[in-house]
Protein backbone atom coordinates (compact mmCIF):
# COMPACT_ATOMS: atom_id res chain seq x y z
CA MET A 1 0.00 0.00 0.00
CA ASN A 2 1.40 3.38 -1.02
CA LYS A 3 2.32 6.03 1.52
CA LYS A 4 -0.15 8.95 1.38
CA VAL A 5 1.50 12.38 1.44
CA SER A 6 -0.21 15.78 1.55
CA VAL A 7 1.86 18.70 0.25
CA ILE A 8 1.04 22.01 1.95
CA GLY A 9 2.37 25.53 1.50
CA THR A 10 2.73 25.96 -2.26
CA VAL A 11 0.69 27.92 -4.78
CA GLY A 12 -0.04 24.54 -6.39
CA LEU A 13 0.26 22.55 -9.59
CA PRO A 14 0.81 22.91 -12.50
CA ALA A 15 3.93 24.80 -11.43
CA ASN A 16 3.90 28.39 -12.67
CA TYR A 17 5.10 30.42 -9.72
CA GLY A 18 8.45 29.61 -8.12
CA GLY A 19 10.82 27.25 -6.36
CA TRP A 20 8.38 25.37 -4.14
CA GLU A 21 6.10 24.62 -7.04
CA THR A 22 8.99 23.39 -9.19
CA LEU A 23 10.05 21.11 -6.33
CA VAL A 24 6.55 19.64 -6.01
CA ASP A 25 6.27 19.23 -9.78
CA HIS A 26 9.38 17.03 -9.81
CA LEU A 27 8.53 15.11 -6.63
CA THR A 28 5.14 14.11 -8.01
CA LYS A 29 6.61 13.35 -11.43
CA ASN A 30 9.32 11.10 -9.99
CA LEU A 31 7.55 9.45 -7.06
CA SER A 32 3.83 9.15 -7.91
CA GLN A 33 4.17 5.44 -8.73
CA GLU A 34 5.21 4.79 -5.15
CA ILE A 35 3.50 7.56 -3.19
CA ASP A 36 -0.08 8.84 -3.33
CA PHE A 37 0.28 12.62 -3.31
CA GLU A 38 -2.37 15.24 -2.78
CA VAL A 39 -1.27 18.80 -3.38
CA TYR A 40 -3.09 21.80 -1.91
CA CYS A 41 -3.49 24.66 -4.38
CA SER A 42 -4.66 28.26 -4.19
CA ALA A 43 -8.01 28.46 -5.98
CA LYS A 44 -7.29 32.14 -6.63
CA ARG A 45 -4.31 31.30 -8.87
CA TYR A 46 -5.97 28.76 -11.18
CA SER A 47 -8.82 29.64 -13.52
CA VAL A 48 -8.75 26.02 -14.73
CA LYS A 49 -8.87 23.68 -11.76
CA LEU A 50 -7.51 20.26 -12.65
CA GLU A 51 -8.44 17.28 -10.50
CA ASP A 52 -5.04 15.64 -10.83
CA TYR A 53 -1.59 16.35 -12.22
CA ASN A 54 1.51 14.12 -12.45
CA GLY A 55 -0.58 11.44 -10.74
CA ALA A 56 -1.25 13.69 -7.73
CA LYS A 57 -4.74 14.70 -6.57
CA LEU A 58 -5.22 18.45 -6.45
CA LYS A 59 -7.24 20.08 -3.66
CA TYR A 60 -8.18 23.77 -3.73
CA VAL A 61 -8.31 26.35 -0.95
CA ASN A 62 -9.99 29.68 -1.65
CA LEU A 63 -7.16 31.77 -0.18
CA ASP A 64 -3.85 33.18 -1.39
CA ALA A 65 -0.81 31.01 -0.70
CA ASN A 66 1.42 34.03 -0.07
CA GLY A 67 1.29 37.18 2.02
CA ALA A 68 -0.93 37.51 5.08
CA GLN A 69 -3.32 34.80 3.86
CA SER A 70 -0.53 32.20 3.81
CA ILE A 71 -1.17 31.42 7.49
CA PRO A 72 -4.88 30.49 7.21
CA TYR A 73 -4.14 28.93 3.80
CA ASP A 74 -1.71 26.49 5.38
CA VAL A 75 -3.91 25.83 8.42
CA VAL A 76 -6.98 25.10 6.27
CA SER A 77 -4.85 22.81 4.08
CA ILE A 78 -3.64 20.92 7.15
CA LEU A 79 -7.20 20.46 8.42
CA MET A 80 -8.42 19.29 5.01
CA SER A 81 -5.65 16.71 4.86
CA MET A 82 -6.53 15.02 8.15
CA LYS A 83 -8.64 12.22 6.66
CA SER A 84 -6.68 11.55 3.51
CA SER A 85 -2.98 11.28 4.39
CA ASP A 86 -0.56 9.79 6.87
CA THR A 87 2.31 12.22 6.17
CA LEU A 88 2.31 16.01 5.77
CA LEU A 89 5.03 17.76 3.78
CA ILE A 90 4.83 21.42 4.81
CA LEU A 91 6.92 23.83 2.72
CA GLY A 92 7.66 27.01 4.65
CA VAL A 93 6.90 27.90 8.26
CA SER A 94 4.06 30.44 8.21
CA GLY A 95 1.32 27.88 8.97
CA CYS A 96 3.40 25.91 11.47
CA VAL A 97 1.95 27.86 14.40
CA PHE A 98 -0.84 25.27 14.18
CA LEU A 99 1.48 22.29 14.72
CA PRO A 100 1.25 22.19 18.55
CA ILE A 101 -2.54 21.80 18.24
CA LEU A 102 -2.20 19.25 15.44
CA LYS A 103 0.13 17.13 17.55
CA LEU A 104 -2.42 17.02 20.37
CA PHE A 105 -4.93 15.01 18.35
CA SER A 106 -2.96 13.48 15.48
CA LYS A 107 -0.04 11.10 15.10
CA LYS A 108 0.55 11.93 11.46
CA LYS A 109 4.16 12.29 10.41
CA VAL A 110 5.05 15.94 9.85
CA VAL A 111 7.96 16.90 7.56
CA VAL A 112 8.76 20.63 7.37
CA ASN A 113 11.16 22.27 4.94
CA ILE A 114 11.83 25.58 6.69
CA ASP A 115 13.22 27.23 3.53
CA GLY A 116 15.72 30.02 4.30
CA LEU A 117 15.69 32.16 7.41
CA GLU A 118 12.62 34.04 6.23
CA TRP A 119 12.49 36.24 9.33
CA LYS A 120 15.78 37.90 8.33
CA ARG A 121 14.44 39.36 5.10
CA ALA A 122 14.53 43.17 4.94
CA LYS A 123 11.05 43.41 3.42
CA TRP A 124 9.32 42.35 6.66
CA GLY A 125 8.35 44.72 9.45
CA VAL A 126 9.14 44.13 13.12
CA PHE A 127 5.97 42.13 13.88
CA ALA A 128 6.26 39.97 10.75
CA LYS A 129 9.90 39.16 11.57
CA TRP A 130 8.94 38.21 15.13
CA PHE A 131 6.07 36.02 13.92
CA LEU A 132 8.23 34.23 11.33
CA LYS A 133 10.95 33.56 13.92
CA VAL A 134 8.36 32.10 16.30
CA SER A 135 6.89 30.02 13.46
CA GLU A 136 10.37 28.73 12.60
CA SER A 137 10.92 27.71 16.22
CA ILE A 138 7.59 25.87 16.37
CA ALA A 139 8.24 24.19 13.01
CA VAL A 140 11.57 22.80 14.18
CA ARG A 141 10.29 21.72 17.62
CA PHE A 142 7.07 20.04 16.49
CA SER A 143 8.04 18.49 13.16
CA ASP A 144 9.06 14.84 13.05
CA VAL A 145 11.59 15.65 10.34
CA THR A 146 13.02 19.10 9.59
CA VAL A 147 14.53 19.64 6.14
CA SER A 148 17.28 22.17 5.42
CA ASP A 149 18.14 23.01 1.84
CA ASN A 150 21.65 24.25 2.63
CA LYS A 151 24.50 23.16 4.93
CA ALA A 152 24.58 26.64 6.49
CA ILE A 153 20.86 26.33 7.36
CA GLN A 154 21.48 22.82 8.75
CA ASP A 155 24.27 24.18 10.97
CA TYR A 156 22.01 27.02 12.12
CA ILE A 157 19.19 24.66 13.15
CA LEU A 158 21.63 22.51 15.10
CA SER A 159 23.19 25.46 16.92
CA GLU A 160 19.93 27.41 17.45
CA TYR A 161 17.61 24.55 18.39
CA GLY A 162 19.87 21.59 19.10
CA LYS A 163 18.09 19.51 16.47
CA ARG A 164 19.55 17.59 13.55
CA SER A 165 17.87 18.27 10.19
CA GLU A 166 17.97 16.45 6.88
CA LEU A 167 19.98 18.21 4.18
CA ILE A 168 18.13 18.22 0.85
CA ALA A 169 18.98 20.92 -1.68
CA TYR A 170 17.21 21.75 -4.92
CA GLY A 171 17.26 20.35 -8.43
CA ALA A 172 18.33 22.21 -11.54
CA ASP A 173 18.43 19.71 -14.38
CA HIS A 174 15.16 21.05 -15.78
CA VAL A 175 17.04 24.00 -17.31
CA LYS A 176 18.89 23.84 -20.60
CA ARG A 177 20.88 26.01 -22.96
CA VAL A 178 18.86 27.46 -25.84
CA GLY A 179 20.34 28.98 -28.99
CA TYR A 180 19.22 32.28 -30.50
CA ASP A 181 18.62 33.66 -33.97
CA ASP A 182 18.45 37.02 -35.77
CA VAL A 183 14.96 37.71 -34.45
CA ASP A 184 16.22 37.28 -30.88
CA ILE A 185 19.17 39.59 -31.55
CA TYR A 186 16.74 42.23 -32.84
CA ARG A 187 14.73 41.96 -29.59
CA TYR A 188 17.77 41.59 -27.34
CA PRO A 189 20.80 43.27 -28.98
CA PHE A 190 23.00 42.42 -25.99
CA LEU A 191 23.03 38.77 -27.16
CA ASN A 192 25.74 39.84 -29.62
CA LYS A 193 27.87 41.33 -26.82
CA SER A 194 29.62 40.22 -23.64
CA TYR A 195 27.03 40.46 -20.87
CA VAL A 196 26.42 39.62 -17.23
CA PHE A 197 23.00 38.22 -16.31
CA LYS A 198 20.81 38.03 -13.22
CA VAL A 199 17.20 36.93 -12.64
CA CYS A 200 15.56 37.55 -9.27
CA ARG A 201 12.82 39.23 -7.31
CA ILE A 202 13.71 42.90 -7.05
CA GLU A 203 14.20 43.10 -3.29
CA PRO A 204 16.91 44.76 -1.15
CA GLU A 205 18.30 41.45 0.17
CA ASN A 206 19.10 40.44 -3.42
CA ASN A 207 21.52 43.38 -3.59
CA VAL A 208 20.21 44.63 -6.92
CA HIS A 209 21.22 48.17 -5.96
CA VAL A 210 24.82 47.08 -5.32
CA ILE A 211 25.07 45.33 -8.69
CA LEU A 212 23.58 48.27 -10.59
CA GLU A 213 25.86 50.79 -8.89
CA ALA A 214 28.91 48.71 -9.76
CA PHE A 215 27.95 48.57 -13.43
CA VAL A 216 27.70 52.31 -13.92
CA SER A 217 31.48 52.37 -14.32
CA ILE A 218 31.95 48.80 -15.65
CA THR A 219 31.54 49.11 -19.40
CA ASN A 220 33.37 46.03 -20.71
CA TYR A 221 30.17 44.02 -20.03
CA ASP A 222 26.52 44.81 -20.53
CA LEU A 223 24.30 44.02 -17.55
CA VAL A 224 20.92 42.29 -17.94
CA ILE A 225 18.58 41.88 -14.97
CA VAL A 226 15.17 40.21 -15.25
CA GLY A 227 12.78 40.91 -12.39
CA ASN A 228 9.55 42.38 -11.04
CA TRP A 229 10.56 46.03 -11.10
CA ALA A 230 7.03 47.37 -10.71
CA ASN A 231 6.19 45.47 -7.51
CA SER A 232 7.82 47.80 -4.98
CA GLU A 233 9.13 51.32 -4.48
CA TYR A 234 12.58 49.80 -4.33
CA GLY A 235 12.23 48.34 -7.84
CA ILE A 236 10.47 51.37 -9.30
CA ASN A 237 13.16 53.72 -7.99
CA LEU A 238 16.01 51.54 -9.27
CA LYS A 239 14.49 51.28 -12.72
CA LYS A 240 13.99 55.05 -12.86
CA LEU A 241 17.59 55.64 -11.75
CA TYR A 242 19.37 53.17 -14.05
CA SER A 243 17.20 52.61 -17.12
CA SER A 244 18.99 55.41 -18.97
CA VAL A 245 22.40 53.70 -18.63
CA SER A 246 23.01 52.44 -22.16
CA HIS A 247 24.72 49.15 -21.29
CA VAL A 248 22.23 48.23 -18.55
CA HIS A 249 19.06 46.34 -19.56
CA LEU A 250 16.28 46.05 -16.96
CA LEU A 251 13.72 43.53 -18.24
CA ASP A 252 10.33 42.66 -16.82
CA PRO A 253 9.63 39.09 -15.59
CA ILE A 254 9.96 36.35 -18.23
CA TYR A 255 7.77 33.31 -17.54
CA ASN A 256 8.59 31.37 -20.69
CA GLN A 257 11.33 28.95 -19.59
CA ASP A 258 12.90 28.65 -23.05
CA GLU A 259 13.14 32.41 -23.49
CA LEU A 260 14.63 32.79 -20.01
CA ASN A 261 17.12 30.00 -20.69
CA LYS A 262 18.06 31.71 -23.96
CA LEU A 263 19.08 34.91 -22.18
CA ARG A 264 20.59 33.23 -19.13
CA GLY A 265 22.36 30.36 -20.91
CA ASN A 266 24.24 32.62 -23.34
CA CYS A 267 25.63 35.11 -20.84
CA ASN A 268 29.33 35.40 -20.04
CA ILE A 269 28.88 35.65 -16.25
CA TYR A 270 25.98 35.03 -13.88
CA VAL A 271 25.90 37.40 -10.90
CA HIS A 272 24.00 36.23 -7.83
CA GLY A 273 23.25 38.87 -5.21
CA HIS A 274 21.01 36.93 -2.81
CA SER A 275 21.91 37.49 0.84
CA ALA A 276 18.96 35.59 2.38
CA GLY A 277 17.51 32.12 2.00
CA GLY A 278 19.32 28.83 1.68
CA THR A 279 20.10 27.11 -1.61
CA ASN A 280 18.55 29.56 -4.06
CA PRO A 281 16.96 27.92 -7.14
CA SER A 282 18.27 30.58 -9.51
CA LEU A 283 21.84 29.91 -8.36
CA VAL A 284 21.78 26.13 -8.83
CA GLU A 285 20.07 26.59 -12.20
CA ALA A 286 22.89 28.87 -13.34
CA MET A 287 25.39 26.31 -12.05
CA PHE A 288 23.72 23.49 -13.98
CA LEU A 289 23.97 25.59 -17.14
CA GLY A 290 27.73 25.73 -16.60
CA LEU A 291 27.89 29.49 -16.10
CA PRO A 292 30.75 31.19 -14.26
CA ILE A 293 29.31 32.60 -11.02
CA ILE A 294 30.03 35.77 -9.07
CA ALA A 295 27.99 35.51 -5.86
CA TYR A 296 27.32 37.60 -2.79
CA ALA A 297 29.74 36.58 -0.04
CA ILE A 298 27.38 34.85 2.38
CA SER A 299 27.64 31.37 3.85
CA TYR A 300 24.64 29.98 1.92
CA ASN A 301 26.12 30.90 -1.44
CA LYS A 302 29.58 29.65 -0.52
CA GLU A 303 28.14 26.30 0.59
CA THR A 304 26.08 25.95 -2.61
CA THR A 305 29.07 26.67 -4.85
CA GLN A 306 31.52 24.83 -2.54
CA GLY A 307 33.80 27.86 -2.45
CA PHE A 308 34.68 27.76 -6.16
CA ALA A 309 32.78 30.86 -7.33
CA LYS A 310 34.01 34.45 -6.99
CA TYR A 311 32.45 36.42 -4.11
CA PHE A 312 31.69 40.08 -3.46
CA SER A 313 30.51 41.98 -0.38
CA ASP A 314 30.03 45.47 -1.80
CA VAL A 315 30.31 47.65 -4.89
CA VAL A 316 34.10 47.90 -4.62
CA ASP A 317 34.50 44.11 -4.48
CA LEU A 318 32.25 43.53 -7.46
CA LYS A 319 33.98 46.18 -9.60
CA ALA A 320 37.38 44.73 -8.75
CA ILE A 321 36.31 41.20 -9.76
CA LEU A 322 34.72 42.32 -13.03
CA SER A 323 37.76 44.44 -13.91
CA SER A 324 40.33 41.71 -13.29
CA ILE A 325 38.73 38.35 -14.09
CA ASP A 326 39.99 36.71 -17.30
CA SER A 327 38.71 34.05 -19.68
CA VAL A 328 40.86 31.28 -18.14
CA GLU A 329 39.43 31.87 -14.67
CA LEU A 330 35.91 32.17 -16.02
CA SER A 331 36.26 28.85 -17.82
CA PHE A 332 37.60 27.15 -14.67
CA ILE A 333 34.71 28.46 -12.55
CA ALA A 334 32.14 27.44 -15.17
CA ASP A 335 33.47 23.87 -15.27
CA LYS A 336 33.47 23.61 -11.46
CA MET A 337 29.90 24.92 -11.22
CA LYS A 338 28.69 22.35 -13.75
CA ASP A 339 30.54 19.49 -12.02
CA ILE A 340 29.06 20.41 -8.62
CA ALA A 341 25.54 20.76 -10.03
CA ASP A 342 25.69 17.44 -11.90
CA VAL A 343 26.49 15.62 -8.65
CA ASN A 344 24.40 17.54 -6.11
CA TYR A 345 21.52 19.36 -7.81
CA THR A 346 19.48 16.87 -9.82
CA TRP A 347 15.79 16.22 -9.28
CA GLN A 348 16.29 12.47 -9.11
CA ARG A 349 18.69 12.91 -6.18
CA VAL A 350 16.26 15.28 -4.45
CA SER A 351 13.33 12.92 -5.05
CA ASP A 352 15.26 9.94 -3.69
CA GLN A 353 16.07 11.87 -0.52
CA TYR A 354 12.43 12.82 0.04
CA ARG A 355 11.37 9.21 -0.66
CA ASN A 356 13.65 8.05 2.14
CA ILE A 357 12.10 10.57 4.54
CA PHE A 358 8.52 9.64 3.62
């Protein structure tokens, strides 16, 4: 008889939002012959509501999966799953405040992937940071298995809470290099030049402002950043300030994977400014594409790249790296990133690790 697993905390399937959804897409694709999945989805995000996908049953909750509604969204999903599953996979900590109550009347196995240290993100106010830290604490204390996606997160959980967690990163072998033609060059003239690429949410902890400031005086590369510029004052102000710089290209979000791969896979350098979270999906995807990486000098990024990327802490660092790095070093870094990704960041490896936990 198959194990029955409810997946809670994502926007849902089919995956069209972000990292959690991509994870669940591959888990259900790889494990549905052995495990009966049900995936809780936000009814507000799907105009067409499928009953199943990748062999998983889809259940809908009429709330948003993100923002303030993420807490009741997760709690309602947990309550709905009570009769249908023996294991809960909860992705993120916002709904974990309910776990002490759940444990009073249920013996279901609870697996929580705490994601990065969400409470450290600059975008949250004082109360939100406090709540997320409390939720993290409850998630670790009341879960049967805690999952960390990065060695630095695993070390933090051990030192902060005295609990061992399972280390499971993120897959990246769904990305691929895509060639371009004359039509693409017409749309994106930088494809014919040497350029540095970044894709991210436009948030302060992704250090977009640092990268843009550095490139004002770095002219041997074009800079291309894809992100949600219109979603915050931070993004709006940056776009207003830097959109007139001729070798800087600030593009709106690209949801077509092939088009994104075309721009990302043909860059000369991938710059990764994330300073929060654990193993960031965009970083391991760039590694799997065999791109040379310049990353923000934080423990998560160093663990992900095993110390073989180049690292910057500020504008001065980044300018110095971009001014001095040569083709031999870039080639060496690119090869190391690909080797690390091939061994550590495949969806089959990730799926096998979750199978063992379930």
